[in-house]
Every structure is written in structure tokens, then in C-alpha cells.
Amino acid sequence: MSLNPAELITNFLKFQENIESSSPLTIRAYRLDLTQAFLSSKQPTIYNYDELWAMARPALANWGQLSLASRNRKIATLKSFFNWLYREKLIDKNYGSMLICPQVPKKIPHFLSVDEVISILHFFNQQSIASSDLKKQAYFLKQKTLFLLLYGGGLRISEACAVQWKDTQLDQRRILILGKGGKERYCVLPVFCFDHLQKISKQKTKYVFGEAPLHTRIGYEMIRDLGKKTGLMNTLHPHALRHSFATHLLASGANLRTLQSLLGHDSLTATEKYTHLSVDHLARLIDQTHPLVKLKLGS
């Protein structure tokens, strides 16, 4: 009996989409990794499910030249695929258990200082665009709106670009967000951000950015352009604004559970990377709260 790896991959992707509710980006990554592993081979069919393991080995060798993060993602894809085959009783041995993802060193996320955020806000306040230049005016409003959603609410770029007016509850200062895996959560923004949304809400469009979602690539360019115009030393990326939102909230006293809910993280582990507060901040916190500080020496 001949078996077609392409059909197995298609069924696996359907399972991920319909049962696991994986995001379109995740599905696309799975398809790419599995195509590289099994469909780049000259062998179009197999005669035993276990032959899939042999087909994957050359891809694993090639992936060894990639960065640790990229390699881990691809290995995780193979683990998920073989785990699914095993659960479906299509293979007698779970090769997924033989795949090990090396630990990726934790990196401190890049985030803006409060002064850098203030400089961006000053930039927005100082802009004066002639009302006759409608194109520049529209671009400026979209750029400011995107910044306020990313930094004011800690949204992912894909979430911010797809906000619809029907999901914004301006009187309650909250927005219903469709996050990763189709999971919904409410995003609460500062008054300053909702005042801006209130001003532009008069436009009769489906989405905050127009009749269609703002393309994420355009969103990336808008934020990079904002960083250049405000003279930031490092290139500004949308995720740096999400990191800044989380870091500044945590430094101001927000707890990890609250932050986890605001960011839409499934696991608290994903939120713990924001506990990289400066030594100076920790020292000030000790001086303000530790009981021994209130005691005089020698008492």
C-alpha cells in the first residue's frame, strides 16, 4: 500500500486549524516546515508510516545550520506532527519523543524608556499638517492610532491592525480583541488613548483603520518611520511597544497575573520575561516598602 505524505500533512493541518484552533500564522509555519521535511524529497510516496522518520532526517541535518530559535520552531513542528500520528494510531512508535529542542537563552526584550515614549508623544503634539494635504493627514492619524493601541494597550501588531469599531466600547474604555488561537480578551486603554479614538470614531468605516484591516507590513513600516522621525537610537519595532507597555506597567506595581491577562498570554511563563526591572528600581522599591528601612540603626 502506497501512502502520500502530502495527504498526511493536509489532515494534520486541518486538525490544527479546526480542533486546536491554531492561528493562520501558525498553520503557515507548520506547512512550511513539514513541506521542507517531507515534500522536498524525490520520493513522492512511502509504504510505511515509519518511513516518515527516515525522510525527516536530512531536513533535521539542514536545520542544524539555522539559528537556535528557528531550529527549535521547526523541531517543535515535527514533534507536533509525530505526536498527532501517534495519537491517531497511525504509527506504533512516537518519534516525537526522540526530538529534543535545545534551550534558547532568555533575552531581555527591547523596550523604550519613559523619556523615549514622552518624546514620541511630543512629536505627535507638535505635528501640524495642513488640512489640504489629506493623504499626509490620514497617514499621521493612522500612525498615532497604531502607536496608542500598541503602547497604550500592549496589543500585538496583528491585533491592533484588525480592531473593528463594533468591538470598541468607548464609554467603558475597553476593546474586544481577537488574539492568538481565536481567543478573545478585553483590552483596557488609558483615557488619553480613548480620547483619541473618540475623535476619529466619527468616520463611518468597519475597521479603525478603514474599510479593511491595516496590513501588518504597513503597520511595521509606520512604526519604523515613527522611530526615525523621533530620533530614537535603536530601530523601533511594533513588538518593542508591547514590551514597553508590559515593562512600564510592571515597574509601576502591576502584578504578573494582571499583566498576563492584559497581554493575552496562555502561560504565566511567557509573562515572566518582563521581570527584568533595573537594580535602581528595585533599590527604590526596597527603600519604600521594606520594614527594616523604617527602623533606625541601633534601636
C-alpha atoms as a PDB file:
ATOM      1  CA  MET A   1       0.000   0.000   0.000  1.00  0.00           C
ATOM      2  CA  SER A   2       1.406   3.400  -1.009  1.00  0.00           C
ATOM      3  CA  LEU A   3       0.945   6.404   1.269  1.00  0.00           C
ATOM      4  CA  ASN A   4       1.082  10.065   0.362  1.00  0.00           C
ATOM      5  CA  PRO A   5       2.912  12.332   2.861  1.00  0.00           C
ATOM      6  CA  ALA A   6       1.124  15.373   1.375  1.00  0.00           C
ATOM      7  CA  GLU A   7      -2.254  13.931   2.437  1.00  0.00           C
ATOM      8  CA  LEU A   8      -0.969  13.302   5.960  1.00  0.00           C
ATOM      9  CA  ILE A   9       0.252  16.875   6.201  1.00  0.00           C
ATOM     10  CA  THR A  10      -3.078  18.208   4.916  1.00  0.00           C
ATOM     11  CA  ASN A  11      -5.003  16.190   7.523  1.00  0.00           C
ATOM     12  CA  PHE A  12      -2.651  17.338  10.265  1.00  0.00           C
ATOM     13  CA  LEU A  13      -3.109  20.992   9.280  1.00  0.00           C
ATOM     14  CA  LYS A  14      -6.895  20.545   9.281  1.00  0.00           C
ATOM     15  CA  PHE A  15      -6.640  19.119  12.784  1.00  0.00           C
ATOM     16  CA  GLN A  16      -4.560  22.101  13.922  1.00  0.00           C
ATOM     17  CA  GLU A  17      -6.975  24.579  12.380  1.00  0.00           C
ATOM     18  CA  ASN A  18     -10.304  23.024  13.345  1.00  0.00           C
ATOM     19  CA  ILE A  19      -9.540  21.230  16.611  1.00  0.00           C
ATOM     20  CA  GLU A  20      -6.573  23.090  18.083  1.00  0.00           C
ATOM     21  CA  SER A  21      -7.756  26.491  16.736  1.00  0.00           C
ATOM     22  CA  SER A  22      -4.217  27.386  15.660  1.00  0.00           C
ATOM     23  CA  SER A  23      -3.774  30.832  14.147  1.00  0.00           C
ATOM     24  CA  PRO A  24      -3.289  31.302  10.379  1.00  0.00           C
ATOM     25  CA  LEU A  25       0.342  32.278  11.005  1.00  0.00           C
ATOM     26  CA  THR A  26       0.940  29.069  12.958  1.00  0.00           C
ATOM     27  CA  ILE A  27      -0.686  26.992  10.219  1.00  0.00           C
ATOM     28  CA  ARG A  28       1.501  28.693   7.619  1.00  0.00           C
ATOM     29  CA  ALA A  29       4.642  27.964   9.658  1.00  0.00           C
ATOM     30  CA  TYR A  30       3.622  24.307  10.097  1.00  0.00           C
ATOM     31  CA  ARG A  31       3.007  23.944   6.362  1.00  0.00           C
ATOM     32  CA  LEU A  32       6.407  25.419   5.519  1.00  0.00           C
ATOM     33  CA  ASP A  33       8.312  23.233   7.991  1.00  0.00           C
ATOM     34  CA  LEU A  34       6.544  19.999   7.023  1.00  0.00           C
ATOM     35  CA  THR A  35       6.966  20.731   3.319  1.00  0.00           C
ATOM     36  CA  GLN A  36      10.708  21.173   3.861  1.00  0.00           C
ATOM     37  CA  ALA A  37      10.857  17.959   5.868  1.00  0.00           C
ATOM     38  CA  PHE A  38       8.791  15.617   3.712  1.00  0.00           C
ATOM     39  CA  LEU A  39       7.851  17.082   0.342  1.00  0.00           C
ATOM     40  CA  SER A  40      11.243  18.279  -0.855  1.00  0.00           C
ATOM     41  CA  SER A  41      12.297  14.652  -1.182  1.00  0.00           C
ATOM     42  CA  LYS A  42      12.299  12.974  -4.597  1.00  0.00           C
ATOM     43  CA  GLN A  43      10.350  10.119  -3.043  1.00  0.00           C
ATOM     44  CA  PRO A  44       6.656  11.041  -3.682  1.00  0.00           C
ATOM     45  CA  THR A  45       5.153   8.116  -1.774  1.00  0.00           C
ATOM     46  CA  ILE A  46       6.027   5.851   1.127  1.00  0.00           C
ATOM     47  CA  TYR A  47       4.961   2.338   2.021  1.00  0.00           C
ATOM     48  CA  ASN A  48       5.204   2.511   5.779  1.00  0.00           C
ATOM     49  CA  TYR A  49       4.345   5.362   8.143  1.00  0.00           C
ATOM     50  CA  ASP A  50       7.632   4.826   9.943  1.00  0.00           C
ATOM     51  CA  GLU A  51       9.455   5.812   6.759  1.00  0.00           C
ATOM     52  CA  LEU A  52       8.469   9.395   7.581  1.00  0.00           C
ATOM     53  CA  TRP A  53      11.176   9.423  10.239  1.00  0.00           C
ATOM     54  CA  ALA A  54      13.811   8.497   7.677  1.00  0.00           C
ATOM     55  CA  MET A  55      12.538  11.186   5.323  1.00  0.00           C
ATOM     56  CA  ALA A  56      12.798  13.855   8.044  1.00  0.00           C
ATOM     57  CA  ARG A  57      16.409  13.185   8.965  1.00  0.00           C
ATOM     58  CA  PRO A  58      18.027  15.136   6.079  1.00  0.00           C
ATOM     59  CA  ALA A  59      15.870  18.158   6.939  1.00  0.00           C
ATOM     60  CA  LEU A  60      16.937  17.930  10.586  1.00  0.00           C
ATOM     61  CA  ALA A  61      20.563  17.965   9.465  1.00  0.00           C
ATOM     62  CA  ASN A  62      19.987  21.028   7.274  1.00  0.00           C
ATOM     63  CA  TRP A  63      18.155  22.852  10.061  1.00  0.00           C
ATOM     64  CA  GLY A  64      21.226  22.482  12.252  1.00  0.00           C
ATOM     65  CA  GLN A  65      22.695  25.490  10.428  1.00  0.00           C
ATOM     66  CA  LEU A  66      19.803  27.766  11.439  1.00  0.00           C
ATOM     67  CA  SER A  67      19.585  29.983  14.488  1.00  0.00           C
ATOM     68  CA  LEU A  68      18.592  28.244  17.692  1.00  0.00           C
ATOM     69  CA  ALA A  69      15.143  29.862  17.756  1.00  0.00           C
ATOM     70  CA  SER A  70      14.347  28.935  14.130  1.00  0.00           C
ATOM     71  CA  ARG A  71      15.643  25.385  14.627  1.00  0.00           C
ATOM     72  CA  ASN A  72      13.516  24.948  17.733  1.00  0.00           C
ATOM     73  CA  ARG A  73      10.378  26.097  15.954  1.00  0.00           C
ATOM     74  CA  LYS A  74      10.884  23.605  13.143  1.00  0.00           C
ATOM     75  CA  ILE A  75      11.691  20.756  15.531  1.00  0.00           C
ATOM     76  CA  ALA A  76       8.572  21.640  17.536  1.00  0.00           C
ATOM     77  CA  THR A  77       6.552  21.328  14.321  1.00  0.00           C
ATOM     78  CA  LEU A  78       7.904  17.825  13.725  1.00  0.00           C
ATOM     79  CA  LYS A  79       7.190  16.869  17.353  1.00  0.00           C
ATOM     80  CA  SER A  80       3.578  18.014  16.975  1.00  0.00           C
ATOM     81  CA  PHE A  81       3.225  16.113  13.696  1.00  0.00           C
ATOM     82  CA  PHE A  82       4.625  12.835  15.046  1.00  0.00           C
ATOM     83  CA  ASN A  83       2.640  13.202  18.282  1.00  0.00           C
ATOM     84  CA  TRP A  84      -0.513  13.555  16.183  1.00  0.00           C
ATOM     85  CA  LEU A  85       0.359  10.475  14.104  1.00  0.00           C
ATOM     86  CA  TYR A  86       0.907   8.507  17.302  1.00  0.00           C
ATOM     87  CA  ARG A  87      -2.370   9.656  18.899  1.00  0.00           C
ATOM     88  CA  GLU A  88      -4.208   8.736  15.709  1.00  0.00           C
ATOM     89  CA  LYS A  89      -2.579   5.273  15.954  1.00  0.00           C
ATOM     90  CA  LEU A  90      -1.025   5.674  12.525  1.00  0.00           C
ATOM     91  CA  ILE A  91       2.428   4.823  13.901  1.00  0.00           C
ATOM     92  CA  ASP A  92       3.380   2.362  16.649  1.00  0.00           C
ATOM     93  CA  LYS A  93       6.320   4.400  17.895  1.00  0.00           C
ATOM     94  CA  ASN A  94       6.196   8.073  18.850  1.00  0.00           C
ATOM     95  CA  TYR A  95       9.221   9.586  17.146  1.00  0.00           C
ATOM     96  CA  GLY A  96       8.220  12.946  18.585  1.00  0.00           C
ATOM     97  CA  SER A  97       9.665  11.875  21.936  1.00  0.00           C
ATOM     98  CA  MET A  98      13.052  11.472  20.254  1.00  0.00           C
ATOM     99  CA  LEU A  99      13.144  15.099  19.136  1.00  0.00           C
ATOM    100  CA  ILE A 100      14.714  17.485  21.621  1.00  0.00           C
ATOM    101  CA  CYS A 101      14.543  21.267  21.408  1.00  0.00           C
ATOM    102  CA  PRO A 102      17.718  22.876  22.785  1.00  0.00           C
ATOM    103  CA  GLN A 103      17.022  25.537  25.375  1.00  0.00           C
ATOM    104  CA  VAL A 104      17.102  29.034  23.929  1.00  0.00           C
ATOM    105  CA  PRO A 105      18.892  31.584  26.138  1.00  0.00           C
ATOM    106  CA  LYS A 106      16.440  34.105  27.503  1.00  0.00           C
ATOM    107  CA  LYS A 107      16.854  37.561  26.038  1.00  0.00           C
ATOM    108  CA  ILE A 108      15.729  40.749  27.688  1.00  0.00           C
ATOM    109  CA  PRO A 109      13.112  42.229  25.357  1.00  0.00           C
ATOM    110  CA  HIS A 110      13.961  45.607  23.845  1.00  0.00           C
ATOM    111  CA  PHE A 111      11.771  48.323  25.325  1.00  0.00           C
ATOM    112  CA  LEU A 112      11.633  52.098  25.334  1.00  0.00           C
ATOM    113  CA  SER A 113      12.467  54.296  28.283  1.00  0.00           C
ATOM    114  CA  VAL A 114       9.707  56.529  29.613  1.00  0.00           C
ATOM    115  CA  ASP A 115      11.620  59.531  28.233  1.00  0.00           C
ATOM    116  CA  GLU A 116      11.585  57.983  24.752  1.00  0.00           C
ATOM    117  CA  VAL A 117       7.819  57.462  24.979  1.00  0.00           C
ATOM    118  CA  ILE A 118       7.393  61.083  26.057  1.00  0.00           C
ATOM    119  CA  SER A 119       9.475  62.237  23.084  1.00  0.00           C
ATOM    120  CA  ILE A 120       7.115  60.344  20.753  1.00  0.00           C
ATOM    121  CA  LEU A 121       4.090  61.969  22.387  1.00  0.00           C
ATOM    122  CA  HIS A 122       5.743  65.382  21.983  1.00  0.00           C
ATOM    123  CA  PHE A 123       6.280  64.568  18.306  1.00  0.00           C
ATOM    124  CA  PHE A 124       2.552  63.889  17.855  1.00  0.00           C
ATOM    125  CA  ASN A 125       1.597  67.093  19.682  1.00  0.00           C
ATOM    126  CA  GLN A 126       3.969  69.229  17.620  1.00  0.00           C
ATOM    127  CA  GLN A 127       2.786  67.976  14.237  1.00  0.00           C
ATOM    128  CA  SER A 128       0.792  70.467  12.236  1.00  0.00           C
ATOM    129  CA  ILE A 129      -0.379  69.091   8.913  1.00  0.00           C
ATOM    130  CA  ALA A 130      -2.262  71.314   6.517  1.00  0.00           C
ATOM    131  CA  SER A 131      -5.876  70.264   6.185  1.00  0.00           C
ATOM    132  CA  SER A 132      -5.482  70.397   2.407  1.00  0.00           C
ATOM    133  CA  ASP A 133      -2.937  67.575   2.478  1.00  0.00           C
ATOM    134  CA  LEU A 134      -5.457  64.813   3.116  1.00  0.00           C
ATOM    135  CA  LYS A 135      -3.025  61.990   2.346  1.00  0.00           C
ATOM    136  CA  LYS A 136      -0.466  63.101   4.949  1.00  0.00           C
ATOM    137  CA  GLN A 137      -3.224  63.835   7.436  1.00  0.00           C
ATOM    138  CA  ALA A 138      -4.675  60.322   7.075  1.00  0.00           C
ATOM    139  CA  TYR A 139      -1.218  58.761   7.428  1.00  0.00           C
ATOM    140  CA  PHE A 140      -0.455  60.773  10.564  1.00  0.00           C
ATOM    141  CA  LEU A 141      -3.756  59.807  12.214  1.00  0.00           C
ATOM    142  CA  LYS A 142      -3.221  56.125  11.438  1.00  0.00           C
ATOM    143  CA  GLN A 143       0.357  56.275  12.747  1.00  0.00           C
ATOM    144  CA  LYS A 144      -0.760  57.884  16.004  1.00  0.00           C
ATOM    145  CA  THR A 145      -3.683  55.472  16.396  1.00  0.00           C
ATOM    146  CA  LEU A 146      -1.430  52.458  15.856  1.00  0.00           C
ATOM    147  CA  PHE A 147       1.113  53.729  18.386  1.00  0.00           C
ATOM    148  CA  LEU A 148      -1.598  54.291  21.017  1.00  0.00           C
ATOM    149  CA  LEU A 149      -3.013  50.786  20.520  1.00  0.00           C
ATOM    150  CA  LEU A 150       0.416  49.116  20.693  1.00  0.00           C
ATOM    151  CA  TYR A 151       1.828  51.061  23.631  1.00  0.00           C
ATOM    152  CA  GLY A 152      -1.433  52.091  25.328  1.00  0.00           C
ATOM    153  CA  GLY A 153      -2.940  48.618  25.262  1.00  0.00           C
ATOM    154  CA  GLY A 154       0.019  46.293  24.717  1.00  0.00           C
ATOM    155  CA  LEU A 155      -1.573  44.786  21.608  1.00  0.00           C
ATOM    156  CA  ARG A 156       0.212  42.620  19.088  1.00  0.00           C
ATOM    157  CA  ILE A 157       0.594  44.274  15.698  1.00  0.00           C
ATOM    158  CA  SER A 158      -1.835  41.773  14.115  1.00  0.00           C
ATOM    159  CA  GLU A 159      -4.422  42.524  16.829  1.00  0.00           C
ATOM    160  CA  ALA A 160      -4.077  46.306  16.555  1.00  0.00           C
ATOM    161  CA  CYS A 161      -4.370  46.321  12.747  1.00  0.00           C
ATOM    162  CA  ALA A 162      -7.643  44.379  12.848  1.00  0.00           C
ATOM    163  CA  VAL A 163      -9.597  46.342  15.508  1.00  0.00           C
ATOM    164  CA  GLN A 164     -13.207  46.956  14.449  1.00  0.00           C
ATOM    165  CA  TRP A 165     -15.375  49.828  15.629  1.00  0.00           C
ATOM    166  CA  LYS A 166     -18.131  47.405  16.686  1.00  0.00           C
ATOM    167  CA  ASP A 167     -15.704  45.916  19.234  1.00  0.00           C
ATOM    168  CA  THR A 168     -14.764  49.271  20.783  1.00  0.00           C
ATOM    169  CA  GLN A 169     -16.778  50.267  23.837  1.00  0.00           C
ATOM    170  CA  LEU A 170     -15.697  53.872  24.225  1.00  0.00           C
ATOM    171  CA  ASP A 171     -17.965  54.570  27.203  1.00  0.00           C
ATOM    172  CA  GLN A 172     -16.309  51.714  29.135  1.00  0.00           C
ATOM    173  CA  ARG A 173     -12.793  52.365  27.752  1.00  0.00           C
ATOM    174  CA  ARG A 174     -12.327  48.829  26.504  1.00  0.00           C
ATOM    175  CA  ILE A 175     -11.900  46.968  23.232  1.00  0.00           C
ATOM    176  CA  LEU A 176     -12.731  43.345  22.495  1.00  0.00           C
ATOM    177  CA  ILE A 177      -9.614  41.786  20.973  1.00  0.00           C
ATOM    178  CA  LEU A 178      -9.396  38.567  18.977  1.00  0.00           C
ATOM    179  CA  GLY A 179      -5.991  37.195  19.936  1.00  0.00           C
ATOM    180  CA  LYS A 180      -3.897  34.141  19.153  1.00  0.00           C
ATOM    181  CA  GLY A 181      -5.796  30.936  18.564  1.00  0.00           C
ATOM    182  CA  GLY A 182      -9.059  32.845  18.190  1.00  0.00           C
ATOM    183  CA  LYS A 183      -9.154  33.649  21.918  1.00  0.00           C
ATOM    184  CA  GLU A 184     -10.973  36.799  22.959  1.00  0.00           C
ATOM    185  CA  ARG A 185      -9.982  39.232  25.683  1.00  0.00           C
ATOM    186  CA  TYR A 186     -10.791  42.778  26.657  1.00  0.00           C
ATOM    187  CA  CYS A 187      -8.130  45.441  26.286  1.00  0.00           C
ATOM    188  CA  VAL A 188      -8.414  48.459  28.588  1.00  0.00           C
ATOM    189  CA  LEU A 189      -6.671  51.622  27.395  1.00  0.00           C
ATOM    190  CA  PRO A 190      -5.764  54.842  29.228  1.00  0.00           C
ATOM    191  CA  VAL A 191      -8.147  57.826  28.938  1.00  0.00           C
ATOM    192  CA  PHE A 192      -5.678  59.600  26.614  1.00  0.00           C
ATOM    193  CA  CYS A 193      -5.938  56.766  24.087  1.00  0.00           C
ATOM    194  CA  PHE A 194      -9.730  56.637  24.169  1.00  0.00           C
ATOM    195  CA  ASP A 195      -9.983  60.407  23.770  1.00  0.00           C
ATOM    196  CA  HIS A 196      -8.085  59.962  20.502  1.00  0.00           C
ATOM    197  CA  LEU A 197     -10.334  57.080  19.422  1.00  0.00           C
ATOM    198  CA  GLN A 198     -13.379  59.167  20.297  1.00  0.00           C
ATOM    199  CA  LYS A 199     -12.173  61.934  17.970  1.00  0.00           C
ATOM    200  CA  ILE A 200     -11.683  59.615  14.985  1.00  0.00           C
ATOM    201  CA  SER A 201     -14.755  57.442  15.664  1.00  0.00           C
ATOM    202  CA  LYS A 202     -16.929  59.717  13.532  1.00  0.00           C
ATOM    203  CA  GLN A 203     -15.569  58.064  10.399  1.00  0.00           C
ATOM    204  CA  LYS A 204     -18.058  55.535   9.084  1.00  0.00           C
ATOM    205  CA  THR A 205     -15.753  52.579   8.454  1.00  0.00           C
ATOM    206  CA  LYS A 206     -15.824  48.956   9.554  1.00  0.00           C
ATOM    207  CA  TYR A 207     -12.309  48.924  10.970  1.00  0.00           C
ATOM    208  CA  VAL A 208     -10.495  51.589  12.966  1.00  0.00           C
ATOM    209  CA  PHE A 209      -8.032  51.912  10.065  1.00  0.00           C
ATOM    210  CA  GLY A 210     -10.592  51.912   7.261  1.00  0.00           C
ATOM    211  CA  GLU A 211     -12.872  49.550   5.382  1.00  0.00           C
ATOM    212  CA  ALA A 212     -10.296  46.756   5.668  1.00  0.00           C
ATOM    213  CA  PRO A 213      -7.719  45.819   8.324  1.00  0.00           C
ATOM    214  CA  LEU A 214      -4.422  47.664   8.128  1.00  0.00           C
ATOM    215  CA  HIS A 215      -1.838  45.338   6.562  1.00  0.00           C
ATOM    216  CA  THR A 216       0.677  44.326   9.218  1.00  0.00           C
ATOM    217  CA  ARG A 217       3.569  45.096   6.869  1.00  0.00           C
ATOM    218  CA  ILE A 218       2.306  48.673   6.526  1.00  0.00           C
ATOM    219  CA  GLY A 219       1.941  48.798  10.304  1.00  0.00           C
ATOM    220  CA  TYR A 220       5.571  47.746  10.740  1.00  0.00           C
ATOM    221  CA  GLU A 221       6.687  50.474   8.337  1.00  0.00           C
ATOM    222  CA  MET A 222       4.627  53.100  10.148  1.00  0.00           C
ATOM    223  CA  ILE A 223       6.248  52.293  13.483  1.00  0.00           C
ATOM    224  CA  ARG A 224       9.756  52.156  11.997  1.00  0.00           C
ATOM    225  CA  ASP A 225       9.093  55.503  10.351  1.00  0.00           C
ATOM    226  CA  LEU A 226       7.932  56.896  13.696  1.00  0.00           C
ATOM    227  CA  GLY A 227      11.187  55.805  15.333  1.00  0.00           C
ATOM    228  CA  LYS A 228      13.223  57.552  12.638  1.00  0.00           C
ATOM    229  CA  LYS A 229      11.246  60.787  12.832  1.00  0.00           C
ATOM    230  CA  THR A 230      11.573  60.984  16.616  1.00  0.00           C
ATOM    231  CA  GLY A 231      15.318  60.312  16.509  1.00  0.00           C
ATOM    232  CA  LEU A 232      15.377  57.102  18.543  1.00  0.00           C
ATOM    233  CA  MET A 233      18.807  55.466  18.691  1.00  0.00           C
ATOM    234  CA  ASN A 234      17.507  51.942  18.032  1.00  0.00           C
ATOM    235  CA  THR A 235      15.171  50.844  15.252  1.00  0.00           C
ATOM    236  CA  LEU A 236      11.614  50.908  16.562  1.00  0.00           C
ATOM    237  CA  HIS A 237       9.514  47.777  16.023  1.00  0.00           C
ATOM    238  CA  PRO A 238       5.842  47.217  16.963  1.00  0.00           C
ATOM    239  CA  HIS A 239       6.696  44.487  19.464  1.00  0.00           C
ATOM    240  CA  ALA A 240       9.057  46.878  21.278  1.00  0.00           C
ATOM    241  CA  LEU A 241       5.985  48.973  22.114  1.00  0.00           C
ATOM    242  CA  ARG A 242       4.212  45.903  23.522  1.00  0.00           C
ATOM    243  CA  HIS A 243       7.342  45.137  25.558  1.00  0.00           C
ATOM    244  CA  SER A 244       7.430  48.760  26.743  1.00  0.00           C
ATOM    245  CA  PHE A 245       3.776  48.583  27.813  1.00  0.00           C
ATOM    246  CA  ALA A 246       4.443  45.463  29.885  1.00  0.00           C
ATOM    247  CA  THR A 247       7.733  46.708  31.368  1.00  0.00           C
ATOM    248  CA  HIS A 248       6.372  50.097  32.399  1.00  0.00           C
ATOM    249  CA  LEU A 249       3.252  48.577  33.988  1.00  0.00           C
ATOM    250  CA  LEU A 250       5.313  46.066  35.932  1.00  0.00           C
ATOM    251  CA  ALA A 251       7.729  48.761  37.094  1.00  0.00           C
ATOM    252  CA  SER A 252       4.761  50.797  38.308  1.00  0.00           C
ATOM    253  CA  GLY A 253       3.442  47.996  40.506  1.00  0.00           C
ATOM    254  CA  ALA A 254       1.237  45.797  38.315  1.00  0.00           C
ATOM    255  CA  ASN A 255       1.395  42.105  39.230  1.00  0.00           C
ATOM    256  CA  LEU A 256       2.242  39.323  36.797  1.00  0.00           C
ATOM    257  CA  ARG A 257      -1.261  37.814  36.777  1.00  0.00           C
ATOM    258  CA  THR A 258      -2.807  41.124  35.752  1.00  0.00           C
ATOM    259  CA  LEU A 259      -0.145  41.598  33.113  1.00  0.00           C
ATOM    260  CA  GLN A 260      -0.731  38.067  31.817  1.00  0.00           C
ATOM    261  CA  SER A 261      -4.412  38.864  31.325  1.00  0.00           C
ATOM    262  CA  LEU A 262      -3.734  42.190  29.593  1.00  0.00           C
ATOM    263  CA  LEU A 263      -1.180  40.664  27.215  1.00  0.00           C
ATOM    264  CA  GLY A 264      -3.326  37.631  26.422  1.00  0.00           C
ATOM    265  CA  HIS A 265      -0.674  35.083  27.434  1.00  0.00           C
ATOM    266  CA  ASP A 266      -1.809  31.486  27.952  1.00  0.00           C
ATOM    267  CA  SER A 267       1.013  30.790  30.384  1.00  0.00           C
ATOM    268  CA  LEU A 268       2.499  32.903  33.146  1.00  0.00           C
ATOM    269  CA  THR A 269       5.909  31.726  31.936  1.00  0.00           C
ATOM    270  CA  ALA A 270       5.533  33.901  28.843  1.00  0.00           C
ATOM    271  CA  THR A 271       4.899  36.926  31.074  1.00  0.00           C
ATOM    272  CA  GLU A 272       7.818  36.320  33.422  1.00  0.00           C
ATOM    273  CA  LYS A 273      10.324  37.610  30.863  1.00  0.00           C
ATOM    274  CA  TYR A 274       9.224  41.112  31.826  1.00  0.00           C
ATOM    275  CA  THR A 275      10.634  40.813  35.330  1.00  0.00           C
ATOM    276  CA  HIS A 276      13.875  42.439  34.190  1.00  0.00           C
ATOM    277  CA  LEU A 277      13.493  45.544  36.321  1.00  0.00           C
ATOM    278  CA  SER A 278      16.585  47.660  36.860  1.00  0.00           C
ATOM    279  CA  VAL A 279      18.620  47.438  40.042  1.00  0.00           C
ATOM    280  CA  ASP A 280      17.904  51.124  40.673  1.00  0.00           C
ATOM    281  CA  HIS A 281      14.158  50.495  40.574  1.00  0.00           C
ATOM    282  CA  LEU A 282      14.479  47.531  42.915  1.00  0.00           C
ATOM    283  CA  ALA A 283      16.590  49.578  45.316  1.00  0.00           C
ATOM    284  CA  ARG A 284      13.954  52.330  45.369  1.00  0.00           C
ATOM    285  CA  LEU A 285      11.245  49.735  45.942  1.00  0.00           C
ATOM    286  CA  ILE A 286      13.159  48.315  48.927  1.00  0.00           C
ATOM    287  CA  ASP A 287      13.639  51.801  50.374  1.00  0.00           C
ATOM    288  CA  GLN A 288       9.934  52.495  50.110  1.00  0.00           C
ATOM    289  CA  THR A 289       8.461  49.212  51.358  1.00  0.00           C
ATOM    290  CA  HIS A 290      10.882  47.105  53.441  1.00  0.00           C
ATOM    291  CA  PRO A 291      10.023  47.185  57.190  1.00  0.00           C
ATOM    292  CA  LEU A 292      13.702  47.314  58.213  1.00  0.00           C
ATOM    293  CA  VAL A 293      14.118  50.618  56.403  1.00  0.00           C
ATOM    294  CA  LYS A 294      11.694  52.211  58.855  1.00  0.00           C
ATOM    295  CA  LEU A 295      13.811  51.130  61.815  1.00  0.00           C
ATOM    296  CA  LYS A 296      16.614  53.401  62.930  1.00  0.00           C
ATOM    297  CA  LEU A 297      20.029  51.868  63.301  1.00  0.00           C
ATOM    298  CA  GLY A 298      20.799  50.954  66.890  1.00  0.00           C
ATOM    299  CA  SER A 299      17.203  50.838  68.009  1.00  0.00           C
END
